[in-house]
Amino acid sequence: MNITLGYSDNTVISVPEVFKLALSSFSARFAEELAASPGRNFSNMPSALRGTGIDAGSSSLTRANWLKVTTTQKTFLLARLLIVSP
């Protein structure tokens, strides 16, 4: 299975930042890769560098539009997290 992650690099206390903290608490590997990523950005993590992580935008509108054109089955899992933050 190939999973593509839509992300936002917003680093203030926001839904993307809370998402980073939550994933870090569940996965030591994710925490290590995030810490090693310049700026703690999803865009510098291995998934984005290999093309399985795509910047979904920095606003709710751009993330919603990304979801509309991204038809993979797993998109829904991140939909609420990606749309809620400003």
N, C-alpha and C. Protein backbone atom coordinates (compact mmCIF):
# COMPACT_ATOMS: atom_id res chain seq x y z
N MET A 1 0.84 -1.16 0.00
CA MET A 1 0.00 0.00 0.00
C MET A 1 0.90 1.23 0.00
N ASN A 2 0.51 2.23 -0.75
CA ASN A 2 1.24 3.48 -0.82
C ASN A 2 0.37 4.58 -0.21
N ILE A 3 0.84 5.21 0.83
CA ILE A 3 0.09 6.27 1.50
C ILE A 3 0.78 7.59 1.24
N THR A 4 0.01 8.58 0.81
CA THR A 4 0.54 9.92 0.59
C THR A 4 -0.02 10.83 1.68
N LEU A 5 0.86 11.56 2.33
CA LEU A 5 0.49 12.45 3.42
C LEU A 5 0.42 13.88 2.92
N GLY A 6 -0.69 14.55 3.18
CA GLY A 6 -0.78 15.99 2.91
C GLY A 6 -0.40 16.71 4.18
N TYR A 7 0.48 17.68 4.10
CA TYR A 7 0.97 18.34 5.30
C TYR A 7 0.97 19.84 5.16
N SER A 8 1.12 20.52 6.28
CA SER A 8 1.31 21.96 6.33
C SER A 8 2.50 22.20 7.25
N ASP A 9 3.37 23.11 6.88
CA ASP A 9 4.56 23.36 7.68
C ASP A 9 4.38 24.48 8.70
N ASN A 10 3.17 24.78 9.07
CA ASN A 10 2.90 25.79 10.09
C ASN A 10 3.50 25.30 11.41
N THR A 11 4.39 26.08 12.02
CA THR A 11 5.09 25.61 13.23
C THR A 11 4.65 26.31 14.51
N VAL A 12 3.64 27.16 14.44
CA VAL A 12 3.10 27.73 15.68
C VAL A 12 2.15 26.70 16.27
N ILE A 13 1.63 26.96 17.45
CA ILE A 13 0.69 26.00 18.01
C ILE A 13 -0.57 26.05 17.15
N SER A 14 -0.67 25.03 16.35
CA SER A 14 -1.73 24.91 15.36
C SER A 14 -2.05 23.44 15.22
N VAL A 15 -3.01 23.13 14.39
CA VAL A 15 -3.34 21.73 14.18
C VAL A 15 -2.13 20.97 13.63
N PRO A 16 -1.41 21.51 12.62
CA PRO A 16 -0.23 20.76 12.16
C PRO A 16 0.81 20.53 13.26
N GLU A 17 1.03 21.52 14.10
CA GLU A 17 2.01 21.34 15.18
C GLU A 17 1.52 20.32 16.21
N VAL A 18 0.25 20.36 16.55
CA VAL A 18 -0.32 19.38 17.47
C VAL A 18 -0.22 17.99 16.85
N PHE A 19 -0.46 17.90 15.55
CA PHE A 19 -0.33 16.64 14.83
C PHE A 19 1.10 16.10 14.93
N LYS A 20 2.09 16.98 14.78
CA LYS A 20 3.49 16.57 14.90
C LYS A 20 3.77 16.04 16.30
N LEU A 21 3.27 16.75 17.31
CA LEU A 21 3.49 16.32 18.69
C LEU A 21 2.81 14.99 18.97
N ALA A 22 1.60 14.82 18.44
CA ALA A 22 0.88 13.57 18.66
C ALA A 22 1.61 12.41 17.99
N LEU A 23 2.00 12.59 16.73
CA LEU A 23 2.72 11.51 16.04
C LEU A 23 4.04 11.19 16.75
N SER A 24 4.70 12.23 17.26
CA SER A 24 5.96 12.01 17.98
C SER A 24 5.75 11.19 19.24
N SER A 25 4.62 11.39 19.90
CA SER A 25 4.36 10.64 21.13
C SER A 25 4.03 9.18 20.85
N PHE A 26 3.53 8.89 19.65
CA PHE A 26 3.18 7.51 19.29
C PHE A 26 4.31 6.76 18.62
N SER A 27 5.25 7.49 18.01
CA SER A 27 6.28 6.83 17.23
C SER A 27 7.65 7.46 17.48
N ALA A 28 8.52 6.69 18.09
CA ALA A 28 9.88 7.18 18.34
C ALA A 28 10.60 7.46 17.02
N ARG A 29 10.33 6.66 16.01
CA ARG A 29 10.96 6.87 14.70
C ARG A 29 10.51 8.20 14.10
N PHE A 30 9.20 8.48 14.17
CA PHE A 30 8.70 9.76 13.65
C PHE A 30 9.34 10.91 14.42
N ALA A 31 9.41 10.79 15.75
CA ALA A 31 10.01 11.84 16.58
C ALA A 31 11.45 12.09 16.18
N GLU A 32 12.21 11.02 15.93
CA GLU A 32 13.61 11.15 15.52
C GLU A 32 13.72 11.83 14.15
N GLU A 33 12.88 11.42 13.21
CA GLU A 33 12.93 11.99 11.86
C GLU A 33 12.48 13.46 11.87
N LEU A 34 11.50 13.79 12.70
CA LEU A 34 11.05 15.17 12.81
C LEU A 34 12.15 16.03 13.42
N ALA A 35 12.79 15.53 14.47
CA ALA A 35 13.88 16.27 15.12
C ALA A 35 15.06 16.48 14.17
N ALA A 36 15.31 15.52 13.30
CA ALA A 36 16.41 15.63 12.35
C ALA A 36 16.06 16.50 11.14
N SER A 37 14.79 16.80 10.99
CA SER A 37 14.32 17.59 9.86
C SER A 37 14.60 19.08 10.10
N PRO A 38 15.36 19.74 9.20
CA PRO A 38 15.62 21.17 9.39
C PRO A 38 14.32 21.96 9.57
N GLY A 39 14.24 22.69 10.68
CA GLY A 39 13.04 23.47 10.97
C GLY A 39 11.87 22.67 11.50
N ARG A 40 12.10 21.37 11.77
CA ARG A 40 11.01 20.48 12.21
C ARG A 40 9.84 20.53 11.24
N ASN A 41 10.14 20.61 9.94
CA ASN A 41 9.11 20.71 8.92
C ASN A 41 8.85 19.37 8.26
N PHE A 42 7.58 19.11 7.98
CA PHE A 42 7.22 17.91 7.24
C PHE A 42 7.94 17.89 5.89
N SER A 43 8.12 19.06 5.28
CA SER A 43 8.71 19.12 3.94
C SER A 43 10.15 18.65 3.89
N ASN A 44 10.81 18.57 5.03
CA ASN A 44 12.19 18.09 5.08
C ASN A 44 12.30 16.66 5.58
N MET A 45 11.17 16.01 5.79
CA MET A 45 11.18 14.64 6.29
C MET A 45 11.28 13.65 5.14
N PRO A 46 11.73 12.42 5.42
CA PRO A 46 11.92 11.43 4.36
C PRO A 46 10.69 11.22 3.47
N SER A 47 9.49 11.21 4.03
CA SER A 47 8.31 10.97 3.19
C SER A 47 8.14 12.05 2.14
N ALA A 48 8.36 13.31 2.50
CA ALA A 48 8.25 14.39 1.53
C ALA A 48 9.39 14.33 0.53
N LEU A 49 10.58 14.01 0.99
CA LEU A 49 11.74 13.96 0.11
C LEU A 49 11.64 12.84 -0.92
N ARG A 50 10.92 11.77 -0.58
CA ARG A 50 10.76 10.68 -1.55
C ARG A 50 9.46 10.80 -2.35
N GLY A 51 8.68 11.86 -2.07
CA GLY A 51 7.47 12.11 -2.87
C GLY A 51 6.19 11.52 -2.33
N THR A 52 6.22 10.94 -1.12
CA THR A 52 4.98 10.39 -0.55
C THR A 52 4.38 11.33 0.49
N GLY A 53 4.94 12.51 0.61
CA GLY A 53 4.38 13.58 1.43
C GLY A 53 4.30 14.81 0.55
N ILE A 54 3.14 15.41 0.49
CA ILE A 54 2.90 16.54 -0.39
C ILE A 54 2.35 17.71 0.42
N ASP A 55 2.89 18.89 0.20
CA ASP A 55 2.40 20.09 0.88
C ASP A 55 0.96 20.34 0.47
N ALA A 56 0.06 20.26 1.42
CA ALA A 56 -1.37 20.44 1.14
C ALA A 56 -1.79 21.89 1.22
N GLY A 57 -0.88 22.78 1.58
CA GLY A 57 -1.20 24.21 1.63
C GLY A 57 -1.15 24.77 3.03
N SER A 58 -1.17 26.08 3.12
CA SER A 58 -1.04 26.73 4.42
C SER A 58 -2.34 27.32 4.93
N SER A 59 -3.42 27.13 4.22
CA SER A 59 -4.72 27.65 4.67
C SER A 59 -5.77 26.55 4.56
N SER A 60 -6.86 26.76 5.24
CA SER A 60 -7.96 25.78 5.17
C SER A 60 -8.45 25.62 3.74
N LEU A 61 -8.55 26.71 3.01
CA LEU A 61 -9.04 26.66 1.63
C LEU A 61 -8.11 25.84 0.74
N THR A 62 -6.81 26.09 0.84
CA THR A 62 -5.88 25.34 -0.02
C THR A 62 -5.84 23.86 0.37
N ARG A 63 -5.96 23.56 1.66
CA ARG A 63 -5.99 22.16 2.08
C ARG A 63 -7.28 21.49 1.62
N ALA A 64 -8.39 22.19 1.68
CA ALA A 64 -9.66 21.64 1.21
C ALA A 64 -9.59 21.38 -0.29
N ASN A 65 -9.00 22.30 -1.03
CA ASN A 65 -8.85 22.10 -2.48
C ASN A 65 -7.94 20.92 -2.77
N TRP A 66 -6.87 20.76 -1.97
CA TRP A 66 -5.97 19.62 -2.14
C TRP A 66 -6.75 18.32 -1.94
N LEU A 67 -7.59 18.29 -0.92
CA LEU A 67 -8.38 17.08 -0.66
C LEU A 67 -9.32 16.77 -1.81
N LYS A 68 -9.88 17.80 -2.43
CA LYS A 68 -10.81 17.59 -3.55
C LYS A 68 -10.13 16.90 -4.73
N VAL A 69 -8.88 17.22 -4.97
CA VAL A 69 -8.20 16.64 -6.13
C VAL A 69 -7.36 15.41 -5.76
N THR A 70 -7.30 15.07 -4.49
CA THR A 70 -6.55 13.90 -4.04
C THR A 70 -7.56 12.82 -3.72
N THR A 71 -7.62 11.82 -4.55
CA THR A 71 -8.70 10.83 -4.46
C THR A 71 -8.28 9.52 -3.81
N THR A 72 -7.15 9.51 -3.12
CA THR A 72 -6.71 8.26 -2.49
C THR A 72 -7.60 7.92 -1.30
N GLN A 73 -7.67 6.67 -0.98
CA GLN A 73 -8.55 6.19 0.09
C GLN A 73 -8.19 6.75 1.46
N LYS A 74 -6.93 6.93 1.73
CA LYS A 74 -6.50 7.31 3.07
C LYS A 74 -6.57 8.81 3.34
N THR A 75 -6.93 9.60 2.33
CA THR A 75 -7.00 11.05 2.49
C THR A 75 -7.92 11.44 3.65
N PHE A 76 -9.03 10.75 3.81
CA PHE A 76 -10.00 11.11 4.83
C PHE A 76 -9.42 11.12 6.23
N LEU A 77 -8.47 10.25 6.50
CA LEU A 77 -7.88 10.16 7.83
C LEU A 77 -7.27 11.48 8.28
N LEU A 78 -6.72 12.25 7.35
CA LEU A 78 -6.08 13.52 7.69
C LEU A 78 -6.98 14.72 7.40
N ALA A 79 -8.11 14.49 6.79
CA ALA A 79 -8.96 15.60 6.35
C ALA A 79 -9.31 16.55 7.48
N ARG A 80 -9.78 16.05 8.58
CA ARG A 80 -10.18 16.91 9.69
C ARG A 80 -8.98 17.67 10.26
N LEU A 81 -7.84 17.02 10.36
CA LEU A 81 -6.66 17.67 10.89
C LEU A 81 -6.16 18.77 9.95
N LEU A 82 -6.26 18.55 8.67
CA LEU A 82 -5.71 19.51 7.72
C LEU A 82 -6.64 20.67 7.45
N ILE A 83 -7.94 20.48 7.55
CA ILE A 83 -8.87 21.55 7.22
C ILE A 83 -9.10 22.50 8.38
N VAL A 84 -9.02 22.03 9.59
CA VAL A 84 -9.41 22.81 10.75
C VAL A 84 -8.53 24.03 11.02
N SER A 85 -7.22 23.93 10.83
CA SER A 85 -6.36 25.04 11.20
C SER A 85 -6.43 26.17 10.16
N PRO A 86 -6.20 27.42 10.60
CA PRO A 86 -6.32 28.55 9.68
C PRO A 86 -5.21 28.59 8.65
